[in-house]
């Protein structure tokens, strides 16, 4: 958040306040709408089936405007099958009737869900199995990826997550990949996707078309084991 008085405010500072005040629902709704429109433009421009992943606060499922928004706004959209909402483990920890209803309605529209920063809080492998019917992807936190080369325990944990996820037809993404050695280990472990500075740092909307153009024109060979 770039503010005239406060300067650049990090998400980990303003998001908790937005959640406490209920403003996060309006922020997330704006982000999803704005990002969807932009990605649709890039899908047409590059003729590629780009997917969109957007962080979505679990507290939104308890907001009084959540269900009206789904039925009156989202239900009018088309092509939502390429939209994925990234939620934290708090979603499964606070799994009540409101959450169930909201999830079911969003799944009917074709939206998928992923668990973000998996492994850093109260999450466990048991949650993957319990909520496999709503999850399309698990995102392993950068904490485990960072030490995956030097610590066998981190490699074992990632391997366990990948093995269980594969058995449940859930994809796995590794966060915070910064080196080719980390990438190689993740490939060996069977990880499906990766994100991190090794590929690109966060870009503004105006810089992304040039990045995509270069990326799509660059041949890449991914080793398989």
C-alpha atoms as a PDB file:
ATOM      1  CA  UNK A   1       0.000   0.000   0.000  1.00  0.00           C
ATOM      2  CA  UNK A   2       1.543   3.284  -1.113  1.00  0.00           C
ATOM      3  CA  UNK A   3       0.270   6.092   1.106  1.00  0.00           C
ATOM      4  CA  UNK A   4       1.164   9.767   0.776  1.00  0.00           C
ATOM      5  CA  UNK A   5       1.771  10.165   4.518  1.00  0.00           C
ATOM      6  CA  UNK A   6       2.923   6.684   5.563  1.00  0.00           C
ATOM      7  CA  UNK A   7       4.908   5.760   2.469  1.00  0.00           C
ATOM      8  CA  UNK A   8       5.060   2.086   1.505  1.00  0.00           C
ATOM      9  CA  UNK A   9       3.140  -0.008   4.039  1.00  0.00           C
ATOM     10  CA  UNK A  10       3.776  -3.746   3.996  1.00  0.00           C
ATOM     11  CA  UNK A  11       0.835  -6.169   3.695  1.00  0.00           C
ATOM     12  CA  UNK A  12       1.732  -7.878   6.973  1.00  0.00           C
ATOM     13  CA  UNK A  13       1.052  -4.546   8.687  1.00  0.00           C
ATOM     14  CA  UNK A  14      -2.166  -3.345   7.085  1.00  0.00           C
ATOM     15  CA  UNK A  15      -3.911  -6.645   6.318  1.00  0.00           C
ATOM     16  CA  UNK A  16      -4.403  -7.681   9.996  1.00  0.00           C
ATOM     17  CA  UNK A  17      -5.929  -4.242  10.672  1.00  0.00           C
ATOM     18  CA  UNK A  18      -8.179  -4.589   7.645  1.00  0.00           C
ATOM     19  CA  UNK A  19      -9.310  -8.003   8.889  1.00  0.00           C
ATOM     20  CA  UNK A  20     -10.063  -6.689  12.371  1.00  0.00           C
ATOM     21  CA  UNK A  21     -12.130  -3.792  11.027  1.00  0.00           C
ATOM     22  CA  UNK A  22     -13.956  -5.773   8.334  1.00  0.00           C
ATOM     23  CA  UNK A  23     -12.426  -3.716   5.518  1.00  0.00           C
ATOM     24  CA  UNK A  24     -10.564  -6.747   4.173  1.00  0.00           C
ATOM     25  CA  UNK A  25     -13.730  -7.954   2.431  1.00  0.00           C
ATOM     26  CA  UNK A  26     -13.927  -4.788   0.354  1.00  0.00           C
ATOM     27  CA  UNK A  27     -10.190  -4.889  -0.359  1.00  0.00           C
ATOM     28  CA  UNK A  28     -10.228  -8.527  -1.445  1.00  0.00           C
ATOM     29  CA  UNK A  29     -13.310  -7.968  -3.585  1.00  0.00           C
ATOM     30  CA  UNK A  30     -11.670  -5.020  -5.353  1.00  0.00           C
ATOM     31  CA  UNK A  31      -8.411  -6.934  -5.875  1.00  0.00           C
ATOM     32  CA  UNK A  32     -10.197  -9.959  -7.327  1.00  0.00           C
ATOM     33  CA  UNK A  33     -12.303  -7.858  -9.684  1.00  0.00           C
ATOM     34  CA  UNK A  34      -9.377  -5.700 -10.835  1.00  0.00           C
ATOM     35  CA  UNK A  35      -6.964  -8.611 -11.269  1.00  0.00           C
ATOM     36  CA  UNK A  36      -9.525 -10.704 -13.152  1.00  0.00           C
ATOM     37  CA  UNK A  37     -10.132  -7.936 -15.672  1.00  0.00           C
ATOM     38  CA  UNK A  38      -6.402  -7.495 -16.203  1.00  0.00           C
ATOM     39  CA  UNK A  39      -5.638 -11.200 -16.618  1.00  0.00           C
ATOM     40  CA  UNK A  40      -8.481 -11.508 -19.139  1.00  0.00           C
ATOM     41  CA  UNK A  41      -6.702  -8.849 -21.211  1.00  0.00           C
ATOM     42  CA  UNK A  42      -3.422 -10.784 -21.058  1.00  0.00           C
ATOM     43  CA  UNK A  43      -5.134 -14.083 -21.885  1.00  0.00           C
ATOM     44  CA  UNK A  44      -6.488 -12.503 -25.066  1.00  0.00           C
ATOM     45  CA  UNK A  45      -3.308 -10.594 -25.913  1.00  0.00           C
ATOM     46  CA  UNK A  46      -0.966 -13.576 -25.596  1.00  0.00           C
ATOM     47  CA  UNK A  47      -3.538 -16.244 -26.466  1.00  0.00           C
ATOM     48  CA  UNK A  48      -2.483 -18.244 -23.418  1.00  0.00           C
ATOM     49  CA  UNK A  49      -4.664 -19.818 -20.700  1.00  0.00           C
ATOM     50  CA  UNK A  50      -3.114 -17.898 -17.806  1.00  0.00           C
ATOM     51  CA  UNK A  51      -4.504 -18.675 -14.367  1.00  0.00           C
ATOM     52  CA  UNK A  52      -5.023 -16.121 -11.620  1.00  0.00           C
ATOM     53  CA  UNK A  53      -4.247 -16.716  -7.944  1.00  0.00           C
ATOM     54  CA  UNK A  54      -5.501 -14.149  -5.453  1.00  0.00           C
ATOM     55  CA  UNK A  55      -5.074 -14.039  -1.684  1.00  0.00           C
ATOM     56  CA  UNK A  56      -8.454 -14.207   0.035  1.00  0.00           C
ATOM     57  CA  UNK A  57      -8.927 -13.730   3.773  1.00  0.00           C
ATOM     58  CA  UNK A  58     -10.820 -16.479   5.656  1.00  0.00           C
ATOM     59  CA  UNK A  59     -12.621 -13.742   7.611  1.00  0.00           C
ATOM     60  CA  UNK A  60     -14.513 -12.855   4.430  1.00  0.00           C
ATOM     61  CA  UNK A  61     -16.700 -15.931   4.835  1.00  0.00           C
ATOM     62  CA  UNK A  62     -18.201 -14.340   7.959  1.00  0.00           C
ATOM     63  CA  UNK A  63     -18.894 -10.969   6.348  1.00  0.00           C
ATOM     64  CA  UNK A  64     -22.600 -10.165   5.939  1.00  0.00           C
ATOM     65  CA  UNK A  65     -22.086  -9.151   2.291  1.00  0.00           C
ATOM     66  CA  UNK A  66     -20.257 -12.331   1.289  1.00  0.00           C
ATOM     67  CA  UNK A  67     -23.215 -14.356   0.019  1.00  0.00           C
ATOM     68  CA  UNK A  68     -24.952 -11.437  -1.747  1.00  0.00           C
ATOM     69  CA  UNK A  69     -21.647 -10.690  -3.485  1.00  0.00           C
ATOM     70  CA  UNK A  70     -21.339 -14.292  -4.674  1.00  0.00           C
ATOM     71  CA  UNK A  71     -24.910 -14.507  -5.970  1.00  0.00           C
ATOM     72  CA  UNK A  72     -25.299 -10.997  -7.382  1.00  0.00           C
ATOM     73  CA  UNK A  73     -21.823 -10.226  -8.715  1.00  0.00           C
ATOM     74  CA  UNK A  74     -19.603 -13.278  -9.113  1.00  0.00           C
ATOM     75  CA  UNK A  75     -22.405 -15.417 -10.504  1.00  0.00           C
ATOM     76  CA  UNK A  76     -22.617 -13.027 -13.468  1.00  0.00           C
ATOM     77  CA  UNK A  77     -18.963 -13.539 -14.383  1.00  0.00           C
ATOM     78  CA  UNK A  78     -17.760 -16.100 -16.906  1.00  0.00           C
ATOM     79  CA  UNK A  79     -14.562 -18.114 -17.050  1.00  0.00           C
ATOM     80  CA  UNK A  80     -14.015 -18.322 -13.300  1.00  0.00           C
ATOM     81  CA  UNK A  81     -12.526 -21.803 -13.673  1.00  0.00           C
ATOM     82  CA  UNK A  82      -9.111 -20.163 -14.130  1.00  0.00           C
ATOM     83  CA  UNK A  83      -9.424 -18.219 -10.846  1.00  0.00           C
ATOM     84  CA  UNK A  84      -7.866 -19.625  -7.691  1.00  0.00           C
ATOM     85  CA  UNK A  85      -8.313 -18.156  -4.212  1.00  0.00           C
ATOM     86  CA  UNK A  86      -5.370 -18.564  -1.864  1.00  0.00           C
ATOM     87  CA  UNK A  87      -6.476 -18.944   1.743  1.00  0.00           C
ATOM     88  CA  UNK A  88      -4.529 -19.556   4.928  1.00  0.00           C
ATOM     89  CA  UNK A  89      -4.929 -22.531   7.213  1.00  0.00           C
ATOM     90  CA  UNK A  90      -7.264 -20.471   9.393  1.00  0.00           C
ATOM     91  CA  UNK A  91      -9.964 -21.354   6.880  1.00  0.00           C
ATOM     92  CA  UNK A  92      -9.833 -25.041   7.802  1.00  0.00           C
ATOM     93  CA  UNK A  93      -9.280 -24.340  11.483  1.00  0.00           C
ATOM     94  CA  UNK A  94     -12.474 -22.260  11.632  1.00  0.00           C
ATOM     95  CA  UNK A  95     -14.531 -24.522   9.401  1.00  0.00           C
ATOM     96  CA  UNK A  96     -18.147 -23.685  10.330  1.00  0.00           C
ATOM     97  CA  UNK A  97     -21.495 -23.432   8.525  1.00  0.00           C
ATOM     98  CA  UNK A  98     -20.724 -19.993   7.075  1.00  0.00           C
ATOM     99  CA  UNK A  99     -17.454 -21.213   5.635  1.00  0.00           C
ATOM    100  CA  UNK A 100     -19.023 -24.380   4.237  1.00  0.00           C
ATOM    101  CA  UNK A 101     -21.809 -22.441   2.524  1.00  0.00           C
ATOM    102  CA  UNK A 102     -19.418 -19.889   1.041  1.00  0.00           C
ATOM    103  CA  UNK A 103     -16.999 -22.532  -0.206  1.00  0.00           C
ATOM    104  CA  UNK A 104     -19.719 -24.596  -1.823  1.00  0.00           C
ATOM    105  CA  UNK A 105     -21.135 -21.592  -3.657  1.00  0.00           C
ATOM    106  CA  UNK A 106     -17.707 -20.528  -4.940  1.00  0.00           C
ATOM    107  CA  UNK A 107     -16.868 -24.070  -6.029  1.00  0.00           C
ATOM    108  CA  UNK A 108     -20.114 -24.171  -8.027  1.00  0.00           C
ATOM    109  CA  UNK A 109     -18.890 -21.122  -9.958  1.00  0.00           C
ATOM    110  CA  UNK A 110     -15.705 -22.964 -10.904  1.00  0.00           C
ATOM    111  CA  UNK A 111     -13.356 -21.161  -8.521  1.00  0.00           C
ATOM    112  CA  UNK A 112     -10.660 -23.335  -6.951  1.00  0.00           C
ATOM    113  CA  UNK A 113      -8.806 -23.031  -3.649  1.00  0.00           C
ATOM    114  CA  UNK A 114      -5.253 -23.410  -2.450  1.00  0.00           C
ATOM    115  CA  UNK A 115      -3.730 -23.343   1.033  1.00  0.00           C
ATOM    116  CA  UNK A 116      -1.078 -20.618   1.252  1.00  0.00           C
ATOM    117  CA  UNK A 117       2.089 -20.784   3.406  1.00  0.00           C
ATOM    118  CA  UNK A 118       1.395 -24.386   4.357  1.00  0.00           C
ATOM    119  CA  UNK A 119       3.381 -25.715   7.313  1.00  0.00           C
ATOM    120  CA  UNK A 120       4.016 -22.509   9.252  1.00  0.00           C
ATOM    121  CA  UNK A 121       1.143 -22.553  11.734  1.00  0.00           C
ATOM    122  CA  UNK A 122      -1.223 -25.199  13.030  1.00  0.00           C
ATOM    123  CA  UNK A 123      -1.589 -26.982   9.717  1.00  0.00           C
ATOM    124  CA  UNK A 124      -0.781 -30.661   9.440  1.00  0.00           C
ATOM    125  CA  UNK A 125      -0.839 -33.374   6.834  1.00  0.00           C
ATOM    126  CA  UNK A 126      -4.153 -34.465   8.323  1.00  0.00           C
ATOM    127  CA  UNK A 127      -5.783 -31.259   7.101  1.00  0.00           C
ATOM    128  CA  UNK A 128      -4.808 -32.091   3.530  1.00  0.00           C
ATOM    129  CA  UNK A 129      -6.744 -35.334   3.655  1.00  0.00           C
ATOM    130  CA  UNK A 130      -9.714 -33.878   5.520  1.00  0.00           C
ATOM    131  CA  UNK A 131     -10.188 -30.988   3.103  1.00  0.00           C
ATOM    132  CA  UNK A 132      -8.962 -32.584  -0.113  1.00  0.00           C
ATOM    133  CA  UNK A 133     -12.422 -32.144  -1.649  1.00  0.00           C
ATOM    134  CA  UNK A 134     -12.025 -28.350  -1.710  1.00  0.00           C
ATOM    135  CA  UNK A 135      -8.296 -27.993  -2.394  1.00  0.00           C
ATOM    136  CA  UNK A 136      -6.683 -27.876  -5.809  1.00  0.00           C
ATOM    137  CA  UNK A 137      -3.223 -26.859  -4.631  1.00  0.00           C
ATOM    138  CA  UNK A 138      -0.995 -26.668  -1.558  1.00  0.00           C
ATOM    139  CA  UNK A 139       1.646 -23.961  -1.366  1.00  0.00           C
ATOM    140  CA  UNK A 140       4.604 -25.010   0.787  1.00  0.00           C
ATOM    141  CA  UNK A 141       5.997 -22.119   2.793  1.00  0.00           C
ATOM    142  CA  UNK A 142       9.384 -20.686   1.849  1.00  0.00           C
ATOM    143  CA  UNK A 143      10.706 -21.578   5.305  1.00  0.00           C
ATOM    144  CA  UNK A 144      11.058 -25.229   4.286  1.00  0.00           C
ATOM    145  CA  UNK A 145      12.218 -24.480   0.749  1.00  0.00           C
ATOM    146  CA  UNK A 146      15.009 -22.218   2.011  1.00  0.00           C
ATOM    147  CA  UNK A 147      16.716 -25.061   3.894  1.00  0.00           C
ATOM    148  CA  UNK A 148      15.731 -27.911   1.592  1.00  0.00           C
ATOM    149  CA  UNK A 149      19.316 -28.314   0.343  1.00  0.00           C
ATOM    150  CA  UNK A 150      21.014 -28.368   3.751  1.00  0.00           C
ATOM    151  CA  UNK A 151      18.497 -30.119   5.978  1.00  0.00           C
ATOM    152  CA  UNK A 152      17.205 -33.627   5.386  1.00  0.00           C
ATOM    153  CA  UNK A 153      14.272 -32.980   7.729  1.00  0.00           C
ATOM    154  CA  UNK A 154      12.949 -30.233   5.435  1.00  0.00           C
ATOM    155  CA  UNK A 155      13.365 -32.475   2.403  1.00  0.00           C
ATOM    156  CA  UNK A 156      11.500 -35.239   4.215  1.00  0.00           C
ATOM    157  CA  UNK A 157       8.657 -32.893   5.120  1.00  0.00           C
ATOM    158  CA  UNK A 158       8.314 -31.629   1.551  1.00  0.00           C
ATOM    159  CA  UNK A 159       8.413 -35.199   0.277  1.00  0.00           C
ATOM    160  CA  UNK A 160       5.643 -36.189   2.695  1.00  0.00           C
ATOM    161  CA  UNK A 161       3.449 -33.301   1.586  1.00  0.00           C
ATOM    162  CA  UNK A 162       4.022 -34.100  -2.093  1.00  0.00           C
ATOM    163  CA  UNK A 163       3.344 -37.821  -1.632  1.00  0.00           C
ATOM    164  CA  UNK A 164       0.081 -37.290   0.255  1.00  0.00           C
ATOM    165  CA  UNK A 165      -1.077 -34.527  -2.090  1.00  0.00           C
ATOM    166  CA  UNK A 166      -0.416 -36.680  -5.163  1.00  0.00           C
ATOM    167  CA  UNK A 167      -2.473 -39.514  -3.711  1.00  0.00           C
ATOM    168  CA  UNK A 168      -5.375 -37.077  -3.310  1.00  0.00           C
ATOM    169  CA  UNK A 169      -4.959 -35.450  -6.752  1.00  0.00           C
ATOM    170  CA  UNK A 170      -3.842 -32.150  -5.236  1.00  0.00           C
ATOM    171  CA  UNK A 171      -1.044 -30.136  -6.851  1.00  0.00           C
ATOM    172  CA  UNK A 172       1.918 -28.799  -4.885  1.00  0.00           C
ATOM    173  CA  UNK A 173       3.677 -25.457  -5.296  1.00  0.00           C
ATOM    174  CA  UNK A 174       6.891 -24.453  -3.528  1.00  0.00           C
ATOM    175  CA  UNK A 175       7.252 -20.832  -2.443  1.00  0.00           C
ATOM    176  CA  UNK A 176      10.452 -18.824  -2.170  1.00  0.00           C
ATOM    177  CA  UNK A 177      12.623 -20.666  -4.703  1.00  0.00           C
ATOM    178  CA  UNK A 178      15.835 -18.689  -5.147  1.00  0.00           C
ATOM    179  CA  UNK A 179      18.369 -21.081  -6.666  1.00  0.00           C
ATOM    180  CA  UNK A 180      18.672 -23.790  -9.306  1.00  0.00           C
ATOM    181  CA  UNK A 181      19.812 -26.243  -6.632  1.00  0.00           C
ATOM    182  CA  UNK A 182      16.548 -25.741  -4.769  1.00  0.00           C
ATOM    183  CA  UNK A 183      14.661 -26.155  -8.031  1.00  0.00           C
ATOM    184  CA  UNK A 184      16.494 -29.396  -8.818  1.00  0.00           C
ATOM    185  CA  UNK A 185      15.662 -30.886  -5.405  1.00  0.00           C
ATOM    186  CA  UNK A 186      12.015 -29.896  -5.744  1.00  0.00           C
ATOM    187  CA  UNK A 187      11.837 -31.542  -9.172  1.00  0.00           C
ATOM    188  CA  UNK A 188      13.324 -34.725  -7.721  1.00  0.00           C
ATOM    189  CA  UNK A 189      10.717 -34.664  -4.947  1.00  0.00           C
ATOM    190  CA  UNK A 190       7.912 -34.382  -7.489  1.00  0.00           C
ATOM    191  CA  UNK A 191       6.815 -30.808  -6.811  1.00  0.00           C
ATOM    192  CA  UNK A 192       4.493 -29.509  -9.564  1.00  0.00           C
ATOM    193  CA  UNK A 193       5.102 -25.762  -9.451  1.00  0.00           C
ATOM    194  CA  UNK A 194       7.473 -23.199  -7.989  1.00  0.00           C
ATOM    195  CA  UNK A 195       7.551 -19.471  -7.442  1.00  0.00           C
ATOM    196  CA  UNK A 196      10.299 -17.174  -6.268  1.00  0.00           C
ATOM    197  CA  UNK A 197      12.979 -14.650  -7.142  1.00  0.00           C
ATOM    198  CA  UNK A 198      14.771 -17.191  -9.328  1.00  0.00           C
ATOM    199  CA  UNK A 199      12.107 -16.464 -11.935  1.00  0.00           C
ATOM    200  CA  UNK A 200      11.245 -12.822 -11.261  1.00  0.00           C
ATOM    201  CA  UNK A 201      10.664 -10.366  -8.474  1.00  0.00           C
ATOM    202  CA  UNK A 202       7.222  -8.788  -8.050  1.00  0.00           C
ATOM    203  CA  UNK A 203       6.371  -6.567 -11.013  1.00  0.00           C
ATOM    204  CA  UNK A 204       3.993  -3.703 -11.582  1.00  0.00           C
ATOM    205  CA  UNK A 205       1.144  -4.221 -14.017  1.00  0.00           C
ATOM    206  CA  UNK A 206       2.874  -2.155 -16.719  1.00  0.00           C
ATOM    207  CA  UNK A 207       6.012  -4.307 -16.601  1.00  0.00           C
ATOM    208  CA  UNK A 208       4.334  -7.702 -16.845  1.00  0.00           C
ATOM    209  CA  UNK A 209       3.590  -7.762 -20.612  1.00  0.00           C
ATOM    210  CA  UNK A 210       7.291  -7.340 -21.432  1.00  0.00           C
ATOM    211  CA  UNK A 211       8.190 -10.068 -18.947  1.00  0.00           C
ATOM    212  CA  UNK A 212       5.594 -12.433 -20.399  1.00  0.00           C
ATOM    213  CA  UNK A 213       6.721 -11.737 -23.937  1.00  0.00           C
ATOM    214  CA  UNK A 214      10.329 -12.597 -23.054  1.00  0.00           C
ATOM    215  CA  UNK A 215       9.351 -15.605 -20.931  1.00  0.00           C
ATOM    216  CA  UNK A 216       7.173 -17.159 -23.612  1.00  0.00           C
ATOM    217  CA  UNK A 217       9.857 -16.761 -26.270  1.00  0.00           C
ATOM    218  CA  UNK A 218      12.589 -18.385 -24.161  1.00  0.00           C
ATOM    219  CA  UNK A 219      12.922 -22.182 -24.613  1.00  0.00           C
ATOM    220  CA  UNK A 220      13.010 -24.106 -21.331  1.00  0.00           C
ATOM    221  CA  UNK A 221      13.793 -27.706 -20.574  1.00  0.00           C
ATOM    222  CA  UNK A 222      12.598 -29.101 -17.265  1.00  0.00           C
ATOM    223  CA  UNK A 223      14.405 -32.232 -16.169  1.00  0.00           C
ATOM    224  CA  UNK A 224      12.374 -35.162 -14.969  1.00  0.00           C
ATOM    225  CA  UNK A 225      13.530 -37.930 -12.665  1.00  0.00           C
END
